[in-house]
């Protein structure tokens, strides 16, 4: 049996309501997985950094990234703690305007 995640797009609609306008904003997506949500909002943001500890999921996100997003989206296979300690140039480059997680605890 095939499972469809959010076929009515309720999750992404609520997420967009929460985020508001992303024009000129830098976004940190914690638990980005395979980019399922990223593709719905990244075009509107200035920059997106997605992190997830599951290397296979991050690899799928990188592989399926639309060409139009390659200059503004970066995926990293790491935990939040690893991100803060191993990627200081990304973490401290500027503050993120928005950080969020969905289905991640």
N, C-alpha and C. Protein backbone atom coordinates (compact mmCIF):
# COMPACT_ATOMS: atom_id res chain seq x y z
N UNK A 1 0.84 -1.18 0.00
CA UNK A 1 0.00 0.00 0.00
C UNK A 1 0.89 1.25 0.00
N UNK A 2 0.60 2.17 -0.86
CA UNK A 2 1.34 3.43 -0.94
C UNK A 2 0.76 4.43 0.04
N UNK A 3 1.64 5.09 0.77
CA UNK A 3 1.22 6.12 1.70
C UNK A 3 1.54 7.47 1.09
N UNK A 4 0.55 8.33 1.02
CA UNK A 4 0.75 9.69 0.48
C UNK A 4 0.79 10.64 1.66
N UNK A 5 1.86 11.40 1.74
CA UNK A 5 2.00 12.37 2.81
C UNK A 5 1.34 13.68 2.43
N UNK A 6 0.38 14.08 3.21
CA UNK A 6 -0.29 15.37 3.06
C UNK A 6 -0.83 15.60 1.64
N UNK A 7 -1.67 14.71 1.14
CA UNK A 7 -2.17 14.86 -0.24
C UNK A 7 -3.00 16.13 -0.45
N UNK A 8 -3.60 16.66 0.61
CA UNK A 8 -4.39 17.89 0.48
C UNK A 8 -3.56 19.15 0.69
N UNK A 9 -2.25 18.99 0.93
CA UNK A 9 -1.33 20.12 1.12
C UNK A 9 -1.67 20.97 2.35
N UNK A 10 -2.27 20.35 3.37
CA UNK A 10 -2.63 21.06 4.60
C UNK A 10 -1.36 21.48 5.34
N UNK A 11 -0.42 20.57 5.46
CA UNK A 11 0.82 20.87 6.19
C UNK A 11 1.56 22.04 5.57
N UNK A 12 1.74 22.02 4.27
CA UNK A 12 2.49 23.11 3.63
C UNK A 12 1.71 24.42 3.70
N UNK A 13 0.40 24.36 3.64
CA UNK A 13 -0.41 25.57 3.77
C UNK A 13 -0.25 26.19 5.14
N UNK A 14 -0.29 25.37 6.19
CA UNK A 14 -0.10 25.88 7.55
C UNK A 14 1.32 26.40 7.73
N UNK A 15 2.27 25.70 7.16
CA UNK A 15 3.67 26.13 7.26
C UNK A 15 3.87 27.49 6.61
N UNK A 16 3.29 27.68 5.44
CA UNK A 16 3.41 28.97 4.75
C UNK A 16 2.72 30.08 5.54
N UNK A 17 1.58 29.77 6.15
CA UNK A 17 0.90 30.76 7.00
C UNK A 17 1.80 31.16 8.16
N UNK A 18 2.45 30.18 8.77
CA UNK A 18 3.34 30.44 9.90
C UNK A 18 4.54 31.27 9.47
N UNK A 19 5.14 30.93 8.34
CA UNK A 19 6.36 31.59 7.89
C UNK A 19 6.13 33.03 7.43
N UNK A 20 5.00 33.28 6.85
CA UNK A 20 4.79 34.60 6.26
C UNK A 20 5.66 34.76 5.02
N UNK A 21 5.94 35.99 4.68
CA UNK A 21 6.76 36.26 3.49
C UNK A 21 8.20 35.82 3.75
N UNK A 22 8.78 35.16 2.79
CA UNK A 22 10.17 34.71 2.90
C UNK A 22 11.12 35.54 2.05
N UNK A 23 10.60 36.55 1.39
CA UNK A 23 11.43 37.39 0.52
C UNK A 23 12.59 37.97 1.32
N UNK A 24 13.81 37.72 0.85
CA UNK A 24 15.00 38.24 1.49
C UNK A 24 15.36 37.57 2.80
N UNK A 25 14.72 36.46 3.13
CA UNK A 25 14.95 35.81 4.42
C UNK A 25 15.85 34.58 4.29
N UNK A 26 16.60 34.33 5.34
CA UNK A 26 17.49 33.18 5.44
C UNK A 26 16.82 32.17 6.37
N UNK A 27 16.61 30.93 5.88
CA UNK A 27 15.82 29.92 6.58
C UNK A 27 16.68 28.71 6.94
N UNK A 28 16.53 28.23 8.18
CA UNK A 28 17.15 26.99 8.61
C UNK A 28 16.04 25.97 8.81
N UNK A 29 16.08 24.89 8.04
CA UNK A 29 15.10 23.81 8.17
C UNK A 29 15.77 22.65 8.89
N UNK A 30 15.33 22.38 10.10
CA UNK A 30 15.89 21.31 10.91
C UNK A 30 15.08 20.05 10.67
N UNK A 31 15.74 19.00 10.20
CA UNK A 31 15.03 17.77 9.87
C UNK A 31 14.43 17.84 8.48
N UNK A 32 15.22 18.28 7.52
CA UNK A 32 14.73 18.49 6.15
C UNK A 32 14.42 17.20 5.41
N UNK A 33 15.00 16.09 5.87
CA UNK A 33 14.74 14.81 5.20
C UNK A 33 15.11 14.87 3.73
N UNK A 34 14.20 14.43 2.89
CA UNK A 34 14.47 14.37 1.45
C UNK A 34 14.04 15.64 0.71
N UNK A 35 13.75 16.70 1.45
CA UNK A 35 13.38 17.97 0.82
C UNK A 35 11.90 18.10 0.51
N UNK A 36 11.10 17.18 1.00
CA UNK A 36 9.67 17.16 0.69
C UNK A 36 8.99 18.51 0.94
N UNK A 37 9.29 19.15 2.06
CA UNK A 37 8.71 20.46 2.35
C UNK A 37 9.53 21.59 1.72
N UNK A 38 10.81 21.39 1.64
CA UNK A 38 11.72 22.43 1.15
C UNK A 38 11.29 22.95 -0.22
N UNK A 39 10.92 22.04 -1.09
CA UNK A 39 10.57 22.44 -2.46
C UNK A 39 9.35 23.35 -2.51
N UNK A 40 8.52 23.32 -1.49
CA UNK A 40 7.30 24.13 -1.48
C UNK A 40 7.54 25.60 -1.13
N UNK A 41 8.62 25.90 -0.43
CA UNK A 41 8.83 27.28 0.01
C UNK A 41 10.16 27.89 -0.42
N UNK A 42 11.14 27.09 -0.79
CA UNK A 42 12.50 27.58 -1.01
C UNK A 42 12.62 28.62 -2.11
N UNK A 43 11.80 28.54 -3.11
CA UNK A 43 11.86 29.50 -4.22
C UNK A 43 11.64 30.92 -3.72
N UNK A 44 10.85 31.08 -2.67
CA UNK A 44 10.52 32.40 -2.16
C UNK A 44 11.59 32.97 -1.22
N UNK A 45 12.42 32.11 -0.63
CA UNK A 45 13.43 32.54 0.33
C UNK A 45 14.69 33.04 -0.37
N UNK A 46 15.49 33.78 0.37
CA UNK A 46 16.77 34.24 -0.15
C UNK A 46 17.79 33.11 -0.09
N UNK A 47 17.78 32.37 1.03
CA UNK A 47 18.69 31.24 1.22
C UNK A 47 18.05 30.25 2.16
N UNK A 48 18.29 28.95 1.91
CA UNK A 48 17.77 27.89 2.77
C UNK A 48 18.92 26.93 3.08
N UNK A 49 19.06 26.61 4.36
CA UNK A 49 19.98 25.56 4.79
C UNK A 49 19.12 24.49 5.44
N UNK A 50 19.17 23.28 4.90
CA UNK A 50 18.42 22.16 5.45
C UNK A 50 19.39 21.16 6.06
N UNK A 51 19.10 20.75 7.30
CA UNK A 51 19.96 19.76 7.95
C UNK A 51 19.13 18.57 8.39
N UNK A 52 19.77 17.40 8.34
CA UNK A 52 19.11 16.17 8.78
C UNK A 52 20.20 15.14 9.04
N UNK A 53 20.10 14.37 10.12
CA UNK A 53 21.13 13.38 10.40
C UNK A 53 21.07 12.14 9.50
N UNK A 54 20.00 11.98 8.74
CA UNK A 54 19.86 10.80 7.89
C UNK A 54 20.52 11.07 6.53
N UNK A 55 21.71 10.52 6.36
CA UNK A 55 22.50 10.77 5.14
C UNK A 55 21.76 10.36 3.87
N UNK A 56 21.05 9.24 3.92
CA UNK A 56 20.33 8.77 2.73
C UNK A 56 19.26 9.77 2.31
N UNK A 57 18.55 10.31 3.28
CA UNK A 57 17.50 11.29 2.97
C UNK A 57 18.10 12.55 2.40
N UNK A 58 19.19 13.00 2.97
CA UNK A 58 19.85 14.21 2.47
C UNK A 58 20.37 13.97 1.05
N UNK A 59 20.90 12.79 0.80
CA UNK A 59 21.37 12.46 -0.55
C UNK A 59 20.22 12.52 -1.55
N UNK A 60 19.04 12.03 -1.15
CA UNK A 60 17.86 12.11 -2.04
C UNK A 60 17.46 13.56 -2.27
N UNK A 61 17.55 14.39 -1.24
CA UNK A 61 17.21 15.81 -1.39
C UNK A 61 18.15 16.48 -2.38
N UNK A 62 19.43 16.21 -2.25
CA UNK A 62 20.42 16.80 -3.16
C UNK A 62 20.17 16.34 -4.59
N UNK A 63 19.91 15.05 -4.76
CA UNK A 63 19.68 14.48 -6.09
C UNK A 63 18.42 15.04 -6.76
N UNK A 64 17.40 15.30 -5.95
CA UNK A 64 16.13 15.74 -6.54
C UNK A 64 15.95 17.26 -6.52
N UNK A 65 16.99 17.98 -6.16
CA UNK A 65 16.87 19.44 -6.07
C UNK A 65 16.61 20.05 -7.46
N UNK A 66 15.56 20.84 -7.57
CA UNK A 66 15.31 21.52 -8.84
C UNK A 66 16.48 22.44 -9.20
N UNK A 67 16.80 22.49 -10.45
CA UNK A 67 17.90 23.32 -10.94
C UNK A 67 17.78 24.76 -10.47
N UNK A 68 16.57 25.28 -10.42
CA UNK A 68 16.35 26.68 -10.04
C UNK A 68 16.72 26.98 -8.59
N UNK A 69 16.91 25.95 -7.77
CA UNK A 69 17.20 26.16 -6.35
C UNK A 69 18.66 25.90 -5.99
N UNK A 70 19.46 25.45 -6.92
CA UNK A 70 20.84 25.05 -6.61
C UNK A 70 21.70 26.18 -6.06
N UNK A 71 21.40 27.41 -6.36
CA UNK A 71 22.19 28.53 -5.85
C UNK A 71 21.69 29.05 -4.51
N UNK A 72 20.56 28.58 -4.06
CA UNK A 72 20.00 29.13 -2.81
C UNK A 72 19.71 28.10 -1.73
N UNK A 73 19.79 26.81 -2.04
CA UNK A 73 19.51 25.76 -1.05
C UNK A 73 20.76 24.92 -0.82
N UNK A 74 21.05 24.68 0.44
CA UNK A 74 22.19 23.84 0.81
C UNK A 74 21.69 22.81 1.81
N UNK A 75 22.00 21.53 1.56
CA UNK A 75 21.62 20.44 2.46
C UNK A 75 22.88 19.89 3.12
N UNK A 76 22.77 19.61 4.42
CA UNK A 76 23.88 19.05 5.17
C UNK A 76 23.39 17.86 5.98
N UNK A 77 24.14 16.76 5.94
CA UNK A 77 23.80 15.57 6.71
C UNK A 77 24.47 15.69 8.08
N UNK A 78 23.71 16.22 9.04
CA UNK A 78 24.24 16.40 10.40
C UNK A 78 23.10 16.69 11.36
N UNK A 79 23.39 16.54 12.65
CA UNK A 79 22.43 16.93 13.68
C UNK A 79 22.56 18.43 13.91
N UNK A 80 21.66 19.00 14.68
CA UNK A 80 21.74 20.42 15.00
C UNK A 80 23.02 20.71 15.78
N UNK A 81 23.38 19.84 16.70
CA UNK A 81 24.60 20.03 17.48
C UNK A 81 25.83 20.00 16.58
N UNK A 82 25.86 19.04 15.65
CA UNK A 82 26.98 18.96 14.70
C UNK A 82 27.01 20.19 13.80
N UNK A 83 25.87 20.65 13.38
CA UNK A 83 25.80 21.84 12.54
C UNK A 83 26.42 23.04 13.26
N UNK A 84 26.06 23.22 14.51
CA UNK A 84 26.57 24.36 15.28
C UNK A 84 28.07 24.28 15.48
N UNK A 85 28.61 23.06 15.66
CA UNK A 85 30.04 22.94 15.93
C UNK A 85 30.90 22.73 14.69
N UNK A 86 30.37 22.06 13.67
CA UNK A 86 31.17 21.71 12.50
C UNK A 86 31.01 22.66 11.32
N UNK A 87 29.99 23.48 11.33
CA UNK A 87 29.75 24.39 10.22
C UNK A 87 29.61 25.83 10.72
N UNK A 88 30.60 26.32 11.48
CA UNK A 88 30.46 27.68 12.03
C UNK A 88 30.36 28.75 10.96
N UNK A 89 30.96 28.51 9.80
CA UNK A 89 30.89 29.50 8.73
C UNK A 89 29.47 29.67 8.21
N UNK A 90 28.68 28.61 8.24
CA UNK A 90 27.28 28.69 7.82
C UNK A 90 26.42 29.19 8.97
N UNK A 91 26.66 28.64 10.15
CA UNK A 91 25.86 28.98 11.32
C UNK A 91 26.00 30.45 11.69
N UNK A 92 27.20 30.97 11.61
CA UNK A 92 27.45 32.33 12.10
C UNK A 92 27.62 33.36 10.99
N UNK A 93 27.45 32.93 9.77
CA UNK A 93 27.57 33.84 8.63
C UNK A 93 26.67 35.06 8.83
N UNK A 94 25.50 34.80 9.20
CA UNK A 94 24.48 35.80 9.55
C UNK A 94 23.48 35.05 10.42
N UNK A 95 22.65 35.76 11.07
CA UNK A 95 21.59 35.07 11.79
C UNK A 95 20.57 34.55 10.79
N UNK A 96 19.90 33.48 11.17
CA UNK A 96 18.78 32.99 10.36
C UNK A 96 17.56 33.82 10.73
N UNK A 97 16.78 34.16 9.73
CA UNK A 97 15.55 34.90 9.98
C UNK A 97 14.46 33.98 10.50
N UNK A 98 14.55 32.71 10.14
CA UNK A 98 13.53 31.74 10.53
C UNK A 98 14.18 30.37 10.64
N UNK A 99 13.91 29.67 11.72
CA UNK A 99 14.32 28.29 11.88
C UNK A 99 13.06 27.50 12.24
N UNK A 100 12.88 26.35 11.61
CA UNK A 100 11.68 25.56 11.91
C UNK A 100 11.99 24.08 11.75
N UNK A 101 11.13 23.28 12.34
CA UNK A 101 11.18 21.85 12.16
C UNK A 101 9.77 21.35 12.02
N UNK A 102 9.61 20.28 11.27
CA UNK A 102 8.30 19.70 11.06
C UNK A 102 8.47 18.18 11.09
N UNK A 103 7.72 17.53 11.93
CA UNK A 103 7.80 16.09 12.08
C UNK A 103 9.18 15.67 12.58
N UNK A 104 9.82 16.52 13.35
CA UNK A 104 11.15 16.23 13.87
C UNK A 104 11.17 16.51 15.36
N UNK A 105 11.59 15.53 16.13
CA UNK A 105 11.78 15.72 17.56
C UNK A 105 13.10 15.12 17.97
